[in-house]
């Protein structure tokens, strides 16, 4: 069964960024693309009271915007466009992803972010608390970095907390589908409170990080290329600046241990990464879904 990717579209530059990244992911993995524009549902604000003529105008405008989005999808990618009604943008996307059995949800950055950087808004935050499938967060201007080369590499932020096996499974599955190589990065040695920042602890942390990466590398199946890297720096933010990034690359992170089962919650480490990285971030739920259709 062909997998499907749902991308949330808005008629903005960040909406075009999301469609470009989702299209590249679909092309690389052979997935089908569903471009979704969410319109206000029955519970919309009294500022826009129910009116048949207004509703027709809004739907017509939505269809025009969706046609513009569809025109940017590369040839060969099977795609469909949908205008959906919901109480919120996040609710509409989650419901659509559930209906189609989507493997991923793709969304652009909130307005106001700097080029090449992520910015979470209320809508994205709501989505991260309600989705049970991986969410791809797209930085502003990402459409400029999408190439015909597809997804050349997936960086995986490796840790030892609950859910690490699910993150690795997702990374292997995505690498197998796209032909990407894996770069396994440990941030153990830089994810330390200032109160324990001593040479001895860092040395022990480095040894632990190397063991974690070696164990993870041993779990990678044949046919998937993988390298291991131990990030170094005075902080997570500093360590990330020393990593190189390829056009079309993505980074995968696990959801926080505070998340509800089969739900997402952006933890402190992922949030620190998000403030620095210039590539799309795939946030993976910490437990597997029990729905066999996915």
Foldseek 3Di string as FASTA:
>chain_A
DAAEEEEEADLDQQRLLQLLLRLLLCVLQVHAYEYEYEDEACPDDPVDHDDVVVVVVVVVVQVVSQVVSVVPRDPPHHYDYYYHYDNASLVRRQVVCVVRVHQEYEGGADPPDDALAHHHDPSNQVNQQPHLHKYKYAYRPLSVLADPLRAAEEEEAADDDQLRVVLLVVRLVSCVSRVHAYEYEYAQLQPDDPVPPDPVVSVVSVVVRVVRQVVSVVVRDPPHHYDYDYFDDNHLLGSLVPDDDHRNYEYEYEADPPHDASGHHHDPSNVSVNRHGSGMYIYHYSHHDPDPSD
